[in-house]
Amino acid sequence: MSDNNFKRGPHAAKNKIPEDILDGKISAVDERKTVVLDEDLENVDFDDKVWLYWKRNRNFIILTVSAALAIIVGVQGWKMYTANRASSMASGYEIAHSTNDLHNFAKSNAGTKLGALAMLESADRLYSEKKYAEAKQMYAQSAKALKSTVLFGRALLGEAMSEYMTSPDAGIGKLGDVFANASVDASFRAQAGLNLAQAQISAGKSADARKVLEEIAKNPGNGIYARLAANELLRLD
């Protein structure tokens, strides 16, 4: 079955997308053209934009913590900030954020939610700079502090991806742990599963990847991730 038969993909009648976009002819390095901001996709549903992002980048998505997850960090971080904005700590967080001094803020405010958030953002920065060993440690520390929040799974996912980038075999194990962790928010578990499946495929373990993808796809609660998993299963057929 082709991508054209994907149930609500960009070929849906109300979401007709120019073929040059669908075929991925727009350069991946052209920052003016992104899935979320692309003017050509202005009237396309958000789920379909995510689908198209996966279609364009499925072979490379394993190399980065998804930008969508960065958005989630931003949303949850804003909630934490607004809940504490009357405090001097919130003012310090705002200053640290604007001066790129989140690492020191995190150290000075260890044990607090805003300190943990700053630690998670610092880990993301290290990851983006390809300092995976340092990022892994920072993610692990932030996971401990964020255990009672939705961002706990985000920190574990970052830790697992950092591990994968330095040691693929160990990283596959870590991703599997996140995917199997019932205390992790469902969206992060599903994301871990998708990355796990991609890693397994890269390692020549397609049978294992199929099991993971089938588990994600059969759960409608996984939303867009269930659809992405179903699409990847078609590629394995």
C-alpha atoms as a PDB file:
ATOM      1  CA  MET A   1       0.000   0.000   0.000  1.00  0.00           C
ATOM      2  CA  SER A   2       1.359   3.418  -0.896  1.00  0.00           C
ATOM      3  CA  ASP A   3       1.566   6.562   1.209  1.00  0.00           C
ATOM      4  CA  ASN A   4      -1.312   7.889  -0.913  1.00  0.00           C
ATOM      5  CA  ASN A   5      -3.647   5.494   0.894  1.00  0.00           C
ATOM      6  CA  PHE A   6      -2.739   6.796   4.318  1.00  0.00           C
ATOM      7  CA  LYS A   7      -6.100   7.563   5.872  1.00  0.00           C
ATOM      8  CA  ARG A   8      -5.813  11.281   6.588  1.00  0.00           C
ATOM      9  CA  GLY A   9      -2.537  12.134   4.956  1.00  0.00           C
ATOM     10  CA  PRO A  10      -1.909  15.143   2.737  1.00  0.00           C
ATOM     11  CA  HIS A  11      -3.850  13.611  -0.165  1.00  0.00           C
ATOM     12  CA  ALA A  12      -7.145  14.040   1.687  1.00  0.00           C
ATOM     13  CA  ALA A  13      -9.434  16.165  -0.491  1.00  0.00           C
ATOM     14  CA  LYS A  14      -9.514  19.169   1.807  1.00  0.00           C
ATOM     15  CA  ASN A  15      -5.784  18.983   2.384  1.00  0.00           C
ATOM     16  CA  LYS A  16      -4.447  18.898  -1.149  1.00  0.00           C
ATOM     17  CA  ILE A  17      -0.737  19.663  -1.027  1.00  0.00           C
ATOM     18  CA  PRO A  18       1.414  20.616  -4.017  1.00  0.00           C
ATOM     19  CA  GLU A  19       3.303  17.616  -5.365  1.00  0.00           C
ATOM     20  CA  ASP A  20       6.681  19.345  -5.104  1.00  0.00           C
ATOM     21  CA  ILE A  21       6.144  19.584  -1.337  1.00  0.00           C
ATOM     22  CA  LEU A  22       4.906  16.010  -1.030  1.00  0.00           C
ATOM     23  CA  ASP A  23       7.883  14.706  -2.956  1.00  0.00           C
ATOM     24  CA  GLY A  24      10.251  16.447  -0.567  1.00  0.00           C
ATOM     25  CA  LYS A  25      11.856  18.615  -3.236  1.00  0.00           C
ATOM     26  CA  ILE A  26      12.178  21.512  -0.820  1.00  0.00           C
ATOM     27  CA  SER A  27      15.648  21.474   0.668  1.00  0.00           C
ATOM     28  CA  ALA A  28      15.823  20.086   4.194  1.00  0.00           C
ATOM     29  CA  VAL A  29      18.360  22.766   5.071  1.00  0.00           C
ATOM     30  CA  ASP A  30      16.169  25.663   3.920  1.00  0.00           C
ATOM     31  CA  GLU A  31      15.015  27.046   7.256  1.00  0.00           C
ATOM     32  CA  ARG A  32      12.353  29.125   5.534  1.00  0.00           C
ATOM     33  CA  LYS A  33      10.491  25.950   4.649  1.00  0.00           C
ATOM     34  CA  THR A  34       9.396  23.978   7.682  1.00  0.00           C
ATOM     35  CA  VAL A  35       6.420  21.730   8.216  1.00  0.00           C
ATOM     36  CA  VAL A  36       4.851  23.964  10.824  1.00  0.00           C
ATOM     37  CA  LEU A  37       5.587  27.315   9.201  1.00  0.00           C
ATOM     38  CA  ASP A  38       5.457  26.517   5.496  1.00  0.00           C
ATOM     39  CA  GLU A  39       3.090  29.016   3.849  1.00  0.00           C
ATOM     40  CA  ASP A  40       2.022  26.339   1.367  1.00  0.00           C
ATOM     41  CA  LEU A  41       0.606  24.311   4.282  1.00  0.00           C
ATOM     42  CA  GLU A  42      -1.301  27.162   5.882  1.00  0.00           C
ATOM     43  CA  ASN A  43      -4.704  25.455   5.670  1.00  0.00           C
ATOM     44  CA  VAL A  44      -3.504  21.928   6.406  1.00  0.00           C
ATOM     45  CA  ASP A  45      -4.539  20.223   9.659  1.00  0.00           C
ATOM     46  CA  PHE A  46      -1.870  20.003  12.343  1.00  0.00           C
ATOM     47  CA  ASP A  47      -1.949  16.176  12.341  1.00  0.00           C
ATOM     48  CA  ASP A  48      -1.263  16.176   8.607  1.00  0.00           C
ATOM     49  CA  LYS A  49       1.650  18.564   9.059  1.00  0.00           C
ATOM     50  CA  VAL A  50       3.143  16.141  11.574  1.00  0.00           C
ATOM     51  CA  TRP A  51       2.521  13.264   9.143  1.00  0.00           C
ATOM     52  CA  LEU A  52       4.273  15.166   6.373  1.00  0.00           C
ATOM     53  CA  TYR A  53       7.189  15.988   8.676  1.00  0.00           C
ATOM     54  CA  TRP A  54       7.596  12.287   9.401  1.00  0.00           C
ATOM     55  CA  LYS A  55       7.328  11.441   5.703  1.00  0.00           C
ATOM     56  CA  ARG A  56      10.112  13.867   4.827  1.00  0.00           C
ATOM     57  CA  ASN A  57      12.360  13.081   7.751  1.00  0.00           C
ATOM     58  CA  ARG A  58      11.686   9.499   8.838  1.00  0.00           C
ATOM     59  CA  ASN A  59      15.213   8.424   7.857  1.00  0.00           C
ATOM     60  CA  PHE A  60      16.766  11.182   9.935  1.00  0.00           C
ATOM     61  CA  ILE A  61      14.384  11.680  12.843  1.00  0.00           C
ATOM     62  CA  ILE A  62      16.408   9.258  14.950  1.00  0.00           C
ATOM     63  CA  LEU A  63      19.252  11.791  14.917  1.00  0.00           C
ATOM     64  CA  THR A  64      17.463  14.407  16.964  1.00  0.00           C
ATOM     65  CA  VAL A  65      15.063  14.892  19.809  1.00  0.00           C
ATOM     66  CA  SER A  66      11.911  15.889  17.949  1.00  0.00           C
ATOM     67  CA  ALA A  67      11.186  19.592  17.617  1.00  0.00           C
ATOM     68  CA  ALA A  68       7.613  18.804  18.599  1.00  0.00           C
ATOM     69  CA  LEU A  69       8.915  17.701  21.977  1.00  0.00           C
ATOM     70  CA  ALA A  70      10.706  21.013  22.355  1.00  0.00           C
ATOM     71  CA  ILE A  71       7.301  22.643  21.930  1.00  0.00           C
ATOM     72  CA  ILE A  72       5.927  20.441  24.704  1.00  0.00           C
ATOM     73  CA  VAL A  73       8.797  21.510  26.959  1.00  0.00           C
ATOM     74  CA  GLY A  74       7.895  25.100  26.180  1.00  0.00           C
ATOM     75  CA  VAL A  75       4.220  24.620  27.029  1.00  0.00           C
ATOM     76  CA  GLN A  76       4.824  22.722  30.255  1.00  0.00           C
ATOM     77  CA  GLY A  77       7.677  25.062  31.157  1.00  0.00           C
ATOM     78  CA  TRP A  78       5.391  28.048  30.758  1.00  0.00           C
ATOM     79  CA  LYS A  79       2.891  26.421  33.117  1.00  0.00           C
ATOM     80  CA  MET A  80       5.626  25.919  35.696  1.00  0.00           C
ATOM     81  CA  TYR A  81       6.845  29.467  35.247  1.00  0.00           C
ATOM     82  CA  THR A  82       3.412  31.067  35.567  1.00  0.00           C
ATOM     83  CA  ALA A  83       2.684  28.978  38.658  1.00  0.00           C
ATOM     84  CA  ASN A  84       5.774  30.473  40.282  1.00  0.00           C
ATOM     85  CA  ARG A  85       6.075  33.887  38.667  1.00  0.00           C
ATOM     86  CA  ALA A  86       5.296  35.754  41.871  1.00  0.00           C
ATOM     87  CA  SER A  87       8.502  34.400  43.390  1.00  0.00           C
ATOM     88  CA  SER A  88      12.021  35.758  43.078  1.00  0.00           C
ATOM     89  CA  MET A  89      13.018  32.372  41.646  1.00  0.00           C
ATOM     90  CA  ALA A  90      10.797  32.983  38.629  1.00  0.00           C
ATOM     91  CA  SER A  91      12.539  36.293  38.037  1.00  0.00           C
ATOM     92  CA  GLY A  92      15.882  34.522  38.246  1.00  0.00           C
ATOM     93  CA  TYR A  93      14.683  31.905  35.776  1.00  0.00           C
ATOM     94  CA  GLU A  94      13.601  34.609  33.341  1.00  0.00           C
ATOM     95  CA  ILE A  95      16.998  36.317  33.592  1.00  0.00           C
ATOM     96  CA  ALA A  96      18.842  33.005  33.197  1.00  0.00           C
ATOM     97  CA  HIS A  97      16.752  32.179  30.144  1.00  0.00           C
ATOM     98  CA  SER A  98      17.497  35.503  28.477  1.00  0.00           C
ATOM     99  CA  THR A  99      21.230  35.326  29.242  1.00  0.00           C
ATOM    100  CA  ASN A 100      21.736  31.640  28.353  1.00  0.00           C
ATOM    101  CA  ASP A 101      22.704  30.912  31.948  1.00  0.00           C
ATOM    102  CA  LEU A 102      20.222  28.123  32.609  1.00  0.00           C
ATOM    103  CA  HIS A 103      22.907  25.674  33.696  1.00  0.00           C
ATOM    104  CA  ASN A 104      23.995  27.830  36.637  1.00  0.00           C
ATOM    105  CA  PHE A 105      20.381  28.603  37.498  1.00  0.00           C
ATOM    106  CA  ALA A 106      19.662  24.867  37.598  1.00  0.00           C
ATOM    107  CA  LYS A 107      22.601  24.255  39.928  1.00  0.00           C
ATOM    108  CA  SER A 108      21.588  27.111  42.224  1.00  0.00           C
ATOM    109  CA  ASN A 109      17.981  25.936  42.387  1.00  0.00           C
ATOM    110  CA  ALA A 110      18.418  22.178  42.532  1.00  0.00           C
ATOM    111  CA  GLY A 111      15.415  20.376  43.951  1.00  0.00           C
ATOM    112  CA  THR A 112      12.875  22.870  42.617  1.00  0.00           C
ATOM    113  CA  LYS A 113      10.571  22.501  39.616  1.00  0.00           C
ATOM    114  CA  LEU A 114      11.986  25.568  37.852  1.00  0.00           C
ATOM    115  CA  GLY A 115      15.495  24.341  38.550  1.00  0.00           C
ATOM    116  CA  ALA A 116      14.592  20.986  37.017  1.00  0.00           C
ATOM    117  CA  LEU A 117      13.062  22.703  34.000  1.00  0.00           C
ATOM    118  CA  ALA A 118      16.233  24.745  33.513  1.00  0.00           C
ATOM    119  CA  MET A 119      18.239  21.530  33.747  1.00  0.00           C
ATOM    120  CA  LEU A 120      16.093  19.904  31.052  1.00  0.00           C
ATOM    121  CA  GLU A 121      16.505  22.903  28.757  1.00  0.00           C
ATOM    122  CA  SER A 122      20.259  22.863  29.385  1.00  0.00           C
ATOM    123  CA  ALA A 123      20.323  19.193  28.428  1.00  0.00           C
ATOM    124  CA  ASP A 124      18.480  20.009  25.197  1.00  0.00           C
ATOM    125  CA  ARG A 125      21.077  22.652  24.424  1.00  0.00           C
ATOM    126  CA  LEU A 126      23.927  20.207  25.013  1.00  0.00           C
ATOM    127  CA  TYR A 127      22.171  17.656  22.800  1.00  0.00           C
ATOM    128  CA  SER A 128      21.784  20.183  19.996  1.00  0.00           C
ATOM    129  CA  GLU A 129      25.513  20.891  20.296  1.00  0.00           C
ATOM    130  CA  LYS A 130      26.163  17.129  19.937  1.00  0.00           C
ATOM    131  CA  LYS A 131      27.617  16.922  23.440  1.00  0.00           C
ATOM    132  CA  TYR A 132      25.763  13.696  24.013  1.00  0.00           C
ATOM    133  CA  ALA A 133      27.649  12.392  27.049  1.00  0.00           C
ATOM    134  CA  GLU A 134      27.074  15.648  28.943  1.00  0.00           C
ATOM    135  CA  ALA A 135      23.481  15.824  27.755  1.00  0.00           C
ATOM    136  CA  LYS A 136      22.832  12.288  28.981  1.00  0.00           C
ATOM    137  CA  GLN A 137      23.955  13.180  32.504  1.00  0.00           C
ATOM    138  CA  MET A 138      21.885  16.360  32.524  1.00  0.00           C
ATOM    139  CA  TYR A 139      18.781  14.546  31.274  1.00  0.00           C
ATOM    140  CA  ALA A 140      19.212  11.894  33.977  1.00  0.00           C
ATOM    141  CA  GLN A 141      19.426  14.547  36.685  1.00  0.00           C
ATOM    142  CA  SER A 142      16.401  16.407  35.376  1.00  0.00           C
ATOM    143  CA  ALA A 143      14.391  13.167  35.200  1.00  0.00           C
ATOM    144  CA  LYS A 144      14.838  12.649  38.934  1.00  0.00           C
ATOM    145  CA  ALA A 145      13.623  16.166  39.684  1.00  0.00           C
ATOM    146  CA  LEU A 146      10.717  16.018  37.209  1.00  0.00           C
ATOM    147  CA  LYS A 147       9.392  12.624  38.253  1.00  0.00           C
ATOM    148  CA  SER A 148       6.028  13.976  39.400  1.00  0.00           C
ATOM    149  CA  THR A 149       5.451  15.974  36.201  1.00  0.00           C
ATOM    150  CA  VAL A 150       4.556  15.189  32.590  1.00  0.00           C
ATOM    151  CA  LEU A 151       8.089  16.203  31.578  1.00  0.00           C
ATOM    152  CA  PHE A 152       9.514  13.163  33.372  1.00  0.00           C
ATOM    153  CA  GLY A 153       9.061  11.131  30.196  1.00  0.00           C
ATOM    154  CA  ARG A 154      10.590  13.901  28.114  1.00  0.00           C
ATOM    155  CA  ALA A 155      13.743  13.788  30.238  1.00  0.00           C
ATOM    156  CA  LEU A 156      13.933   9.991  30.005  1.00  0.00           C
ATOM    157  CA  LEU A 157      13.506  10.160  26.238  1.00  0.00           C
ATOM    158  CA  GLY A 158      16.314  12.707  25.975  1.00  0.00           C
ATOM    159  CA  GLU A 159      18.551  10.501  28.096  1.00  0.00           C
ATOM    160  CA  ALA A 160      17.801   7.472  25.922  1.00  0.00           C
ATOM    161  CA  MET A 161      18.455   9.363  22.696  1.00  0.00           C
ATOM    162  CA  SER A 162      21.737  10.715  24.072  1.00  0.00           C
ATOM    163  CA  GLU A 163      22.733   7.159  24.944  1.00  0.00           C
ATOM    164  CA  TYR A 164      21.823   5.997  21.451  1.00  0.00           C
ATOM    165  CA  MET A 165      23.984   8.659  19.835  1.00  0.00           C
ATOM    166  CA  THR A 166      27.076   7.433  21.696  1.00  0.00           C
ATOM    167  CA  SER A 167      26.259   3.729  22.000  1.00  0.00           C
ATOM    168  CA  PRO A 168      23.496   2.461  19.678  1.00  0.00           C
ATOM    169  CA  ASP A 169      23.069  -0.930  21.341  1.00  0.00           C
ATOM    170  CA  ALA A 170      22.775   0.581  24.813  1.00  0.00           C
ATOM    171  CA  GLY A 171      20.522   3.289  23.414  1.00  0.00           C
ATOM    172  CA  ILE A 172      18.129   0.713  21.986  1.00  0.00           C
ATOM    173  CA  GLY A 173      17.883  -0.785  25.458  1.00  0.00           C
ATOM    174  CA  LYS A 174      17.187   2.634  26.996  1.00  0.00           C
ATOM    175  CA  LEU A 175      14.527   3.456  24.422  1.00  0.00           C
ATOM    176  CA  GLY A 176      12.919   0.104  25.149  1.00  0.00           C
ATOM    177  CA  ASP A 177      12.857   0.934  28.860  1.00  0.00           C
ATOM    178  CA  VAL A 178      11.104   4.253  28.214  1.00  0.00           C
ATOM    179  CA  PHE A 179       8.607   2.585  25.880  1.00  0.00           C
ATOM    180  CA  ALA A 180       7.777  -0.002  28.548  1.00  0.00           C
ATOM    181  CA  ASN A 181       7.569   2.470  31.444  1.00  0.00           C
ATOM    182  CA  ALA A 182       3.912   2.792  32.444  1.00  0.00           C
ATOM    183  CA  SER A 183       4.627   5.911  34.516  1.00  0.00           C
ATOM    184  CA  VAL A 184       5.704   7.837  31.406  1.00  0.00           C
ATOM    185  CA  ASP A 185       3.125   9.984  29.606  1.00  0.00           C
ATOM    186  CA  ALA A 186       1.640   8.096  26.645  1.00  0.00           C
ATOM    187  CA  SER A 187       2.863  10.597  24.050  1.00  0.00           C
ATOM    188  CA  PHE A 188       6.477  10.221  25.177  1.00  0.00           C
ATOM    189  CA  ARG A 189       6.168   6.442  25.333  1.00  0.00           C
ATOM    190  CA  ALA A 190       4.879   6.398  21.774  1.00  0.00           C
ATOM    191  CA  GLN A 191       7.658   8.721  20.619  1.00  0.00           C
ATOM    192  CA  ALA A 192      10.209   6.481  22.320  1.00  0.00           C
ATOM    193  CA  GLY A 193       8.653   3.502  20.554  1.00  0.00           C
ATOM    194  CA  LEU A 194       8.885   5.144  17.137  1.00  0.00           C
ATOM    195  CA  ASN A 195      12.536   6.003  17.700  1.00  0.00           C
ATOM    196  CA  LEU A 196      13.134   2.505  19.049  1.00  0.00           C
ATOM    197  CA  ALA A 197      11.620   0.958  15.928  1.00  0.00           C
ATOM    198  CA  GLN A 198      13.738   3.156  13.659  1.00  0.00           C
ATOM    199  CA  ALA A 199      16.852   2.172  15.613  1.00  0.00           C
ATOM    200  CA  GLN A 200      15.946  -1.506  15.381  1.00  0.00           C
ATOM    201  CA  ILE A 201      15.393  -1.236  11.642  1.00  0.00           C
ATOM    202  CA  SER A 202      18.794   0.430  11.286  1.00  0.00           C
ATOM    203  CA  ALA A 203      20.292  -2.447  13.278  1.00  0.00           C
ATOM    204  CA  GLY A 204      18.683  -5.033  10.993  1.00  0.00           C
ATOM    205  CA  LYS A 205      16.083  -6.064  13.574  1.00  0.00           C
ATOM    206  CA  SER A 206      12.966  -5.537  11.495  1.00  0.00           C
ATOM    207  CA  ALA A 207      10.994  -8.256  13.281  1.00  0.00           C
ATOM    208  CA  ASP A 208      11.512  -6.519  16.624  1.00  0.00           C
ATOM    209  CA  ALA A 209      10.631  -3.176  15.057  1.00  0.00           C
ATOM    210  CA  ARG A 210       7.396  -4.611  13.683  1.00  0.00           C
ATOM    211  CA  LYS A 211       6.275  -5.702  17.164  1.00  0.00           C
ATOM    212  CA  VAL A 212       6.930  -2.227  18.557  1.00  0.00           C
ATOM    213  CA  LEU A 213       5.140  -0.491  15.692  1.00  0.00           C
ATOM    214  CA  GLU A 214       2.152  -2.830  15.959  1.00  0.00           C
ATOM    215  CA  GLU A 215       1.837  -2.062  19.671  1.00  0.00           C
ATOM    216  CA  ILE A 216       1.855   1.677  18.999  1.00  0.00           C
ATOM    217  CA  ALA A 217      -0.509   1.436  16.031  1.00  0.00           C
ATOM    218  CA  LYS A 218      -3.179  -0.648  17.791  1.00  0.00           C
ATOM    219  CA  ASN A 219      -3.688   1.916  20.560  1.00  0.00           C
ATOM    220  CA  PRO A 220      -5.941   4.760  19.342  1.00  0.00           C
ATOM    221  CA  GLY A 221      -4.920   6.720  22.421  1.00  0.00           C
ATOM    222  CA  ASN A 222      -1.541   7.263  20.775  1.00  0.00           C
ATOM    223  CA  GLY A 223      -3.199   9.610  18.282  1.00  0.00           C
ATOM    224  CA  ILE A 224      -0.895  10.814  15.527  1.00  0.00           C
ATOM    225  CA  TYR A 225       1.827   8.426  16.713  1.00  0.00           C
ATOM    226  CA  ALA A 226      -0.481   5.461  16.095  1.00  0.00           C
ATOM    227  CA  ARG A 227      -0.957   6.652  12.530  1.00  0.00           C
ATOM    228  CA  LEU A 228       2.756   7.196  12.015  1.00  0.00           C
ATOM    229  CA  ALA A 229       3.428   3.688  13.316  1.00  0.00           C
ATOM    230  CA  ALA A 230       0.801   2.251  10.957  1.00  0.00           C
ATOM    231  CA  ASN A 231       2.443   4.058   8.074  1.00  0.00           C
ATOM    232  CA  GLU A 232       5.848   2.645   8.989  1.00  0.00           C
ATOM    233  CA  LEU A 233       4.354  -0.848   9.130  1.00  0.00           C
ATOM    234  CA  LEU A 234       3.273  -0.449   5.511  1.00  0.00           C
ATOM    235  CA  ARG A 235       6.898   0.263   4.611  1.00  0.00           C
ATOM    236  CA  LEU A 236       7.970  -2.996   6.239  1.00  0.00           C
ATOM    237  CA  ASP A 237       5.494  -5.074   4.199  1.00  0.00           C
END
